[in-house]
C-alpha atoms as a PDB file:
ATOM      1  CA  MET A   1      51.862 -30.634 -20.345  1.00  0.00           C
ATOM      2  CA  LEU A   2      49.187 -29.725 -22.901  1.00  0.00           C
ATOM      3  CA  LYS A   3      50.470 -27.745 -25.960  1.00  0.00           C
ATOM      4  CA  ILE A   4      48.293 -25.606 -28.117  1.00  0.00           C
ATOM      5  CA  ILE A   5      48.957 -24.208 -31.660  1.00  0.00           C
ATOM      6  CA  ILE A   6      47.107 -20.942 -32.314  1.00  0.00           C
ATOM      7  CA  ASP A   7      46.114 -20.026 -35.715  1.00  0.00           C
ATOM      8  CA  TYR A   8      45.365 -16.343 -35.287  1.00  0.00           C
ATOM      9  CA  GLU A   9      43.456 -16.175 -38.550  1.00  0.00           C
ATOM     10  CA  ASN A  10      40.709 -17.894 -36.761  1.00  0.00           C
ATOM     11  CA  MET A  11      40.261 -14.580 -34.917  1.00  0.00           C
ATOM     12  CA  LEU A  12      38.723 -13.286 -38.300  1.00  0.00           C
ATOM     13  CA  TYR A  13      35.521 -15.446 -37.542  1.00  0.00           C
ATOM     14  CA  PRO A  14      33.151 -14.800 -34.587  1.00  0.00           C
ATOM     15  CA  GLN A  15      32.161 -18.407 -34.337  1.00  0.00           C
ATOM     16  CA  ASN A  16      35.741 -19.135 -33.126  1.00  0.00           C
ATOM     17  CA  LYS A  17      35.435 -16.917 -29.988  1.00  0.00           C
ATOM     18  CA  GLU A  18      35.701 -20.049 -27.630  1.00  0.00           C
ATOM     19  CA  MET A  19      39.244 -20.851 -29.139  1.00  0.00           C
ATOM     20  CA  PHE A  20      40.518 -17.654 -27.577  1.00  0.00           C
ATOM     21  CA  ASN A  21      39.274 -17.885 -24.049  1.00  0.00           C
ATOM     22  CA  LYS A  22      41.988 -17.187 -21.570  1.00  0.00           C
ATOM     23  CA  THR A  23      41.334 -20.182 -19.417  1.00  0.00           C
ATOM     24  CA  ILE A  24      43.140 -23.245 -18.412  1.00  0.00           C
ATOM     25  CA  PRO A  25      41.696 -26.516 -17.115  1.00  0.00           C
ATOM     26  CA  GLU A  26      41.843 -27.085 -13.482  1.00  0.00           C
ATOM     27  CA  LYS A  27      43.941 -30.278 -13.798  1.00  0.00           C
ATOM     28  CA  VAL A  28      46.504 -28.329 -16.040  1.00  0.00           C
ATOM     29  CA  TRP A  29      46.661 -25.716 -13.346  1.00  0.00           C
ATOM     30  CA  PHE A  30      47.383 -28.310 -10.810  1.00  0.00           C
ATOM     31  CA  LYS A  31      50.243 -29.777 -12.856  1.00  0.00           C
ATOM     32  CA  LEU A  32      51.737 -26.382 -13.650  1.00  0.00           C
ATOM     33  CA  ARG A  33      51.928 -25.555  -9.883  1.00  0.00           C
ATOM     34  CA  GLU A  34      53.564 -29.090  -9.251  1.00  0.00           C
ATOM     35  CA  GLU A  35      56.035 -28.321 -12.063  1.00  0.00           C
ATOM     36  CA  ALA A  36      56.841 -24.870 -10.739  1.00  0.00           C
ATOM     37  CA  GLN A  37      57.666 -26.362  -7.223  1.00  0.00           C
ATOM     38  CA  ARG A  38      59.765 -29.076  -8.822  1.00  0.00           C
ATOM     39  CA  LEU A  39      61.808 -26.508 -10.764  1.00  0.00           C
ATOM     40  CA  LEU A  40      62.208 -24.406  -7.683  1.00  0.00           C
ATOM     41  CA  ASP A  41      63.478 -27.409  -5.782  1.00  0.00           C
ATOM     42  CA  ILE A  42      65.953 -27.970  -8.442  1.00  0.00           C
ATOM     43  CA  GLY A  43      67.243 -24.393  -7.992  1.00  0.00           C
ATOM     44  CA  THR A  44      67.963 -23.406 -11.566  1.00  0.00           C
ATOM     45  CA  GLY A  45      66.763 -20.379 -13.388  1.00  0.00           C
ATOM     46  CA  SER A  46      67.168 -16.650 -13.189  1.00  0.00           C
ATOM     47  CA  GLN A  47      65.770 -14.637 -10.220  1.00  0.00           C
ATOM     48  CA  GLU A  48      62.947 -13.382 -12.460  1.00  0.00           C
ATOM     49  CA  VAL A  49      62.009 -16.857 -13.392  1.00  0.00           C
ATOM     50  CA  LYS A  50      62.191 -18.213  -9.887  1.00  0.00           C
ATOM     51  CA  ASP A  51      59.950 -15.271  -8.701  1.00  0.00           C
ATOM     52  CA  HIS A  52      57.539 -16.171 -11.418  1.00  0.00           C
ATOM     53  CA  TRP A  53      57.559 -19.945 -10.318  1.00  0.00           C
ATOM     54  CA  ARG A  54      56.957 -18.858  -6.615  1.00  0.00           C
ATOM     55  CA  SER A  55      54.012 -16.878  -7.689  1.00  0.00           C
ATOM     56  CA  ILE A  56      52.558 -19.757  -9.454  1.00  0.00           C
ATOM     57  CA  VAL A  57      53.211 -22.055  -6.463  1.00  0.00           C
ATOM     58  CA  LYS A  58      51.403 -19.508  -4.272  1.00  0.00           C
ATOM     59  CA  GLY A  59      48.447 -19.673  -6.484  1.00  0.00           C
ATOM     60  CA  THR A  60      48.634 -16.736  -8.936  1.00  0.00           C
ATOM     61  CA  VAL A  61      47.378 -17.735 -12.235  1.00  0.00           C
ATOM     62  CA  PRO A  62      49.918 -16.247 -14.790  1.00  0.00           C
ATOM     63  CA  PHE A  63      49.285 -14.032 -17.834  1.00  0.00           C
ATOM     64  CA  ASN A  64      45.727 -12.942 -16.963  1.00  0.00           C
ATOM     65  CA  TYR A  65      44.413 -16.518 -17.388  1.00  0.00           C
ATOM     66  CA  SER A  66      41.628 -17.941 -15.190  1.00  0.00           C
ATOM     67  CA  VAL A  67      41.204 -21.563 -13.988  1.00  0.00           C
ATOM     68  CA  LEU A  68      38.262 -23.404 -15.693  1.00  0.00           C
ATOM     69  CA  PRO A  69      36.755 -25.676 -12.958  1.00  0.00           C
ATOM     70  CA  GLU A  70      36.239 -29.249 -13.981  1.00  0.00           C
ATOM     71  CA  ASP A  71      32.502 -30.426 -14.319  1.00  0.00           C
END
C-alpha cells in the first residue's frame, strides 16, 4: 500500500493544488478492493468496518475520492 504524509501548510500556496486532489491511482484502487475482500474472507472487524469493506469490494470508492485512470 502507498502511504502519504500530508503537510497541510502546503495548502497556503496555490501552486500546491495538485497535492490535494482527492484521487487514487487505478492500480491502488485495485489493490484496495483485493485487500477488502481478503479481510472479509478472514471475517474480523466490526459490522461497520465489514460494511465499509463490502462497499469497497462492490466498487464504491470511499471518502469522496475518485479513481485516476492509468495512462
